[in-house]
Amino acid sequence: QVQLVESGGGLVEPGGSLRLSCAASGSIFSINDMTWYRQAPGKERELVAAIGNSGLTNYADSVKGRFTVSRDNAKNTVYLQMNSLKPEDTAVYYCYADVRPTRWGSSLDAWGQGTLVTVSS
């Protein structure tokens, strides 16, 4: 069993910063890619940032230069540092991980519960 627990969301003023964390626990042999998604009210879910197990990253154009995704493999945790936040960044942020529970088993998809980020003055 694998769980992803997110934390770090909250209310922040425009121009402020937040750091989201997503920690995987349970039966974990390895984790491949880890990805942050977000969904704003009335909008479709979109990819925000992704990071592979080698550290290669990918960002949505809307957050490039402002957000930084990183991971700590020893802690099975992915982070999203969000700087220069804008009201349009307001959304529920979800983390995703492609997890291999055992060294002999297949990988599976794991999702966090979501954490709300509100950017408002």
Protein backbone atom coordinates (compact mmCIF):
# COMPACT_ATOMS: atom_id res chain seq x y z
CA GLN A 1 0.00 0.00 0.00
CA VAL A 2 1.31 3.44 -0.98
CA GLN A 3 0.10 6.80 0.23
CA LEU A 4 1.00 10.32 -0.86
CA VAL A 5 0.49 13.01 1.76
CA GLU A 6 0.61 16.63 0.67
CA SER A 7 1.26 19.67 2.82
CA GLY A 8 2.20 23.31 2.53
CA GLY A 9 -0.86 24.87 0.97
CA GLY A 10 -2.51 27.95 2.34
CA LEU A 11 -3.33 31.59 1.76
CA VAL A 12 -0.66 33.90 0.40
CA GLU A 13 -0.64 37.40 -1.05
CA PRO A 14 0.28 38.05 -4.68
CA GLY A 15 4.04 38.05 -5.05
CA GLY A 16 4.47 35.75 -2.09
CA SER A 17 5.88 32.26 -1.89
CA LEU A 18 4.84 28.82 -0.74
CA ARG A 19 6.51 25.45 -0.73
CA LEU A 20 4.44 22.34 -1.20
CA SER A 21 5.61 18.93 -0.07
CA CYS A 22 4.41 15.49 -1.05
CA ALA A 23 5.73 12.52 0.88
CA ALA A 24 5.22 8.94 -0.24
CA SER A 25 4.99 6.19 2.33
CA GLY A 26 4.13 2.53 2.49
CA SER A 27 5.58 -0.21 0.36
CA ILE A 28 8.10 1.55 -1.86
CA PHE A 29 11.01 0.08 -3.69
CA SER A 30 11.53 2.99 -6.04
CA ILE A 31 9.72 5.98 -7.48
CA ASN A 32 10.01 6.98 -11.08
CA ASP A 33 8.53 10.32 -12.12
CA MET A 34 6.82 12.63 -9.65
CA THR A 35 4.47 15.28 -10.93
CA TRP A 36 2.49 18.24 -9.66
CA TYR A 37 -0.92 19.01 -11.15
CA ARG A 38 -3.42 21.69 -10.28
CA GLN A 39 -7.08 22.34 -10.86
CA ALA A 40 -8.64 25.76 -10.48
CA PRO A 41 -12.38 26.31 -10.08
CA GLY A 42 -14.10 25.96 -13.43
CA LYS A 43 -10.94 24.84 -15.17
CA GLU A 44 -9.49 21.53 -16.25
CA ARG A 45 -6.62 19.86 -14.47
CA GLU A 46 -3.25 20.91 -15.81
CA LEU A 47 0.29 19.75 -15.38
CA VAL A 48 2.38 22.20 -13.39
CA ALA A 49 5.78 20.57 -13.02
CA ALA A 50 7.33 17.14 -13.27
CA ILE A 51 10.62 15.59 -12.25
CA GLY A 52 12.07 12.26 -13.24
CA ASN A 53 14.14 9.97 -11.10
CA SER A 54 17.25 11.38 -12.74
CA GLY A 55 16.31 14.93 -11.81
CA LEU A 56 15.17 16.02 -15.26
CA THR A 57 12.39 18.59 -14.90
CA ASN A 58 9.56 19.94 -17.01
CA TYR A 59 7.34 22.96 -16.36
CA ALA A 60 4.18 24.49 -17.69
CA ASP A 61 4.87 27.73 -19.51
CA SER A 62 2.67 29.61 -17.06
CA VAL A 63 4.93 28.79 -14.11
CA LYS A 64 8.33 28.59 -15.77
CA GLY A 65 10.82 30.81 -14.01
CA ARG A 66 8.64 31.10 -10.91
CA PHE A 67 8.20 27.51 -9.72
CA THR A 68 10.87 24.93 -8.98
CA VAL A 69 10.24 21.22 -8.55
CA SER A 70 12.73 19.08 -6.68
CA ARG A 71 12.86 15.71 -4.99
CA ASP A 72 14.60 13.98 -2.13
CA ASN A 73 14.80 10.31 -3.00
CA ALA A 74 16.02 9.37 0.48
CA LYS A 75 12.78 10.78 1.89
CA ASN A 76 10.54 9.74 -1.03
CA THR A 77 9.40 13.33 -1.18
CA VAL A 78 8.79 15.82 -3.96
CA TYR A 79 8.64 19.57 -3.43
CA LEU A 80 7.22 22.48 -5.34
CA GLN A 81 8.71 25.85 -4.51
CA MET A 82 6.34 28.54 -5.73
CA ASN A 83 7.60 32.10 -5.95
CA SER A 84 6.08 35.30 -7.33
CA LEU A 85 2.63 33.83 -6.90
CA LYS A 86 -0.24 35.26 -8.89
CA PRO A 87 -4.00 35.09 -8.30
CA GLU A 88 -4.29 32.79 -11.30
CA ASP A 89 -2.15 30.26 -9.44
CA THR A 90 -5.06 29.69 -7.08
CA ALA A 91 -6.00 26.03 -7.32
CA VAL A 92 -6.00 22.69 -5.61
CA TYR A 93 -2.59 21.18 -6.16
CA TYR A 94 -2.20 17.42 -6.49
CA CYS A 95 0.94 15.36 -6.53
CA TYR A 96 1.39 12.18 -8.50
CA ALA A 97 4.00 9.47 -8.31
CA ASP A 98 4.75 6.43 -10.40
CA VAL A 99 5.69 3.98 -7.65
CA ARG A 100 7.26 0.55 -7.78
CA PRO A 101 6.23 -1.14 -4.52
CA THR A 102 8.70 -4.02 -4.71
CA ARG A 103 11.71 -4.85 -6.76
CA TRP A 104 9.83 -7.71 -8.44
CA GLY A 105 6.48 -6.01 -8.90
CA SER A 106 4.97 -3.64 -11.42
CA SER A 107 4.65 0.07 -10.88
CA LEU A 108 1.42 1.78 -9.90
CA ASP A 109 -0.05 5.25 -9.90
CA ALA A 110 -0.38 7.09 -6.61
CA TRP A 111 -2.14 10.41 -6.02
CA GLY A 112 -2.09 12.83 -3.15
CA GLN A 113 -5.22 14.16 -1.50
CA GLY A 114 -4.71 17.68 -2.81
CA THR A 115 -3.76 20.87 -1.03
CA LEU A 116 -5.42 24.22 -1.60
CA VAL A 117 -3.34 27.22 -2.60
CA THR A 118 -5.11 30.56 -2.52
CA VAL A 119 -3.37 33.66 -3.82
CA SER A 120 -5.30 36.74 -2.82
CA SER A 121 -4.88 40.10 -1.16
